[in-house]
């Protein structure tokens, strides 16, 4: 990975980003 030091430091932030993205996709799928 290009930024291993960032991966460790922001793992939780990355998970939050993924979760928020999933929520956005679910909201878009609703009419």
PDB file of N, CA and C in Angstrom:
ATOM      1  N   UNK A   1       0.848  -1.196   0.000  1.00  0.00           N
ATOM      2  CA  UNK A   1       0.000   0.000   0.000  1.00  0.00           C
ATOM      3  C   UNK A   1       0.883   1.246   0.000  1.00  0.00           C
ATOM      4  N   UNK A   2       0.414   2.276  -0.650  1.00  0.00           N
ATOM      5  CA  UNK A   2       1.241   3.470  -0.813  1.00  0.00           C
ATOM      6  C   UNK A   2       1.380   4.253   0.496  1.00  0.00           C
ATOM      7  N   UNK A   3       0.337   4.178   1.337  1.00  0.00           N
ATOM      8  CA  UNK A   3       0.381   4.972   2.569  1.00  0.00           C
ATOM      9  C   UNK A   3       0.058   4.106   3.786  1.00  0.00           C
ATOM     10  N   UNK A   4       0.955   3.208   4.151  1.00  0.00           N
ATOM     11  CA  UNK A   4       0.678   2.290   5.270  1.00  0.00           C
ATOM     12  C   UNK A   4       0.492   3.025   6.594  1.00  0.00           C
ATOM     13  N   UNK A   5       1.216   4.139   6.760  1.00  0.00           N
ATOM     14  CA  UNK A   5       1.114   4.866   8.031  1.00  0.00           C
ATOM     15  C   UNK A   5      -0.247   5.546   8.158  1.00  0.00           C
ATOM     16  N   UNK A   6      -0.833   5.908   7.017  1.00  0.00           N
ATOM     17  CA  UNK A   6      -2.171   6.503   7.066  1.00  0.00           C
ATOM     18  C   UNK A   6      -3.220   5.427   7.315  1.00  0.00           C
ATOM     19  N   UNK A   7      -2.990   4.247   6.729  1.00  0.00           N
ATOM     20  CA  UNK A   7      -3.959   3.162   6.860  1.00  0.00           C
ATOM     21  C   UNK A   7      -4.185   2.821   8.337  1.00  0.00           C
ATOM     22  N   UNK A   8      -3.109   2.755   9.107  1.00  0.00           N
ATOM     23  CA  UNK A   8      -3.241   2.413  10.514  1.00  0.00           C
ATOM     24  C   UNK A   8      -3.906   3.540  11.295  1.00  0.00           C
ATOM     25  N   UNK A   9      -3.533   4.769  10.984  1.00  0.00           N
ATOM     26  CA  UNK A   9      -4.009   5.909  11.769  1.00  0.00           C
ATOM     27  C   UNK A   9      -5.476   6.210  11.477  1.00  0.00           C
ATOM     28  N   UNK A  10      -5.900   5.966  10.244  1.00  0.00           N
ATOM     29  CA  UNK A  10      -7.247   6.374   9.844  1.00  0.00           C
ATOM     30  C   UNK A  10      -8.142   5.171   9.543  1.00  0.00           C
ATOM     31  N   UNK A  11      -7.809   4.023  10.109  1.00  0.00           N
ATOM     32  CA  UNK A  11      -8.607   2.826   9.823  1.00  0.00           C
ATOM     33  C   UNK A  11     -10.058   3.041  10.250  1.00  0.00           C
ATOM     34  N   UNK A  12     -10.247   3.641  11.425  1.00  0.00           N
ATOM     35  CA  UNK A  12     -11.609   3.879  11.903  1.00  0.00           C
ATOM     36  C   UNK A  12     -12.313   4.900  11.016  1.00  0.00           C
ATOM     37  N   UNK A  13     -11.591   5.955  10.620  1.00  0.00           N
ATOM     38  CA  UNK A  13     -12.187   6.969   9.750  1.00  0.00           C
ATOM     39  C   UNK A  13     -12.561   6.355   8.410  1.00  0.00           C
ATOM     40  N   UNK A  14     -11.716   5.440   7.935  1.00  0.00           N
ATOM     41  CA  UNK A  14     -12.002   4.778   6.654  1.00  0.00           C
ATOM     42  C   UNK A  14     -13.264   3.932   6.784  1.00  0.00           C
ATOM     43  N   UNK A  15     -13.398   3.220   7.910  1.00  0.00           N
ATOM     44  CA  UNK A  15     -14.598   2.414   8.131  1.00  0.00           C
ATOM     45  C   UNK A  15     -15.837   3.305   8.159  1.00  0.00           C
ATOM     46  N   UNK A  16     -15.707   4.479   8.796  1.00  0.00           N
ATOM     47  CA  UNK A  16     -16.835   5.416   8.835  1.00  0.00           C
ATOM     48  C   UNK A  16     -17.183   5.876   7.426  1.00  0.00           C
ATOM     49  N   UNK A  17     -16.149   6.102   6.635  1.00  0.00           N
ATOM     50  CA  UNK A  17     -16.363   6.538   5.251  1.00  0.00           C
ATOM     51  C   UNK A  17     -17.115   5.461   4.471  1.00  0.00           C
ATOM     52  N   UNK A  18     -16.696   4.215   4.639  1.00  0.00           N
ATOM     53  CA  UNK A  18     -17.358   3.112   3.938  1.00  0.00           C
ATOM     54  C   UNK A  18     -18.806   2.976   4.398  1.00  0.00           C
ATOM     55  N   UNK A  19     -19.018   3.096   5.709  1.00  0.00           N
ATOM     56  CA  UNK A  19     -20.372   2.962   6.232  1.00  0.00           C
ATOM     57  C   UNK A  19     -21.267   4.078   5.716  1.00  0.00           C
ATOM     58  N   UNK A  20     -20.757   5.303   5.685  1.00  0.00           N
ATOM     59  CA  UNK A  20     -21.554   6.428   5.197  1.00  0.00           C
ATOM     60  C   UNK A  20     -21.850   6.255   3.714  1.00  0.00           C
ATOM     61  N   UNK A  21     -20.889   5.682   2.973  1.00  0.00           N
ATOM     62  CA  UNK A  21     -21.099   5.445   1.547  1.00  0.00           C
ATOM     63  C   UNK A  21     -22.197   4.403   1.348  1.00  0.00           C
ATOM     64  N   UNK A  22     -22.183   3.378   2.178  1.00  0.00           N
ATOM     65  CA  UNK A  22     -23.217   2.340   2.086  1.00  0.00           C
ATOM     66  C   UNK A  22     -24.589   2.947   2.380  1.00  0.00           C
ATOM     67  N   UNK A  23     -24.654   3.812   3.386  1.00  0.00           N
ATOM     68  CA  UNK A  23     -25.921   4.447   3.720  1.00  0.00           C
ATOM     69  C   UNK A  23     -26.405   5.304   2.565  1.00  0.00           C
ATOM     70  N   UNK A  24     -25.480   5.983   1.912  1.00  0.00           N
ATOM     71  CA  UNK A  24     -25.846   6.832   0.775  1.00  0.00           C
ATOM     72  C   UNK A  24     -26.417   5.983  -0.350  1.00  0.00           C
ATOM     73  N   UNK A  25     -25.800   4.843  -0.605  1.00  0.00           N
ATOM     74  CA  UNK A  25     -26.289   3.949  -1.665  1.00  0.00           C
ATOM     75  C   UNK A  25     -27.686   3.440  -1.315  1.00  0.00           C
ATOM     76  N   UNK A  26     -27.924   3.127  -0.050  1.00  0.00           N
ATOM     77  CA  UNK A  26     -29.236   2.631   0.354  1.00  0.00           C
ATOM     78  C   UNK A  26     -30.284   3.720   0.186  1.00  0.00           C
ATOM     79  N   UNK A  27     -29.917   4.946   0.536  1.00  0.00           N
ATOM     80  CA  UNK A  27     -30.860   6.051   0.406  1.00  0.00           C
ATOM     81  C   UNK A  27     -31.172   6.319  -1.065  1.00  0.00           C
ATOM     82  N   UNK A  28     -30.172   6.177  -1.937  1.00  0.00           N
ATOM     83  CA  UNK A  28     -30.390   6.402  -3.363  1.00  0.00           C
ATOM     84  C   UNK A  28     -31.286   5.311  -3.949  1.00  0.00           C
ATOM     85  N   UNK A  29     -31.204   4.104  -3.407  1.00  0.00           N
ATOM     86  CA  UNK A  29     -31.987   2.994  -3.949  1.00  0.00           C
ATOM     87  C   UNK A  29     -33.464   3.136  -3.583  1.00  0.00           C
ATOM     88  N   UNK A  30     -33.753   3.944  -2.551  1.00  0.00           N
ATOM     89  CA  UNK A  30     -35.154   4.143  -2.151  1.00  0.00           C
ATOM     90  C   UNK A  30     -35.813   5.173  -3.066  1.00  0.00           C
ATOM     91  N   UNK A  31     -37.085   5.002  -3.341  1.00  0.00           N
ATOM     92  CA  UNK A  31     -37.809   5.936  -4.216  1.00  0.00           C
ATOM     93  C   UNK A  31     -38.034   7.296  -3.550  1.00  0.00           C
TER      94      UNK A  31
END
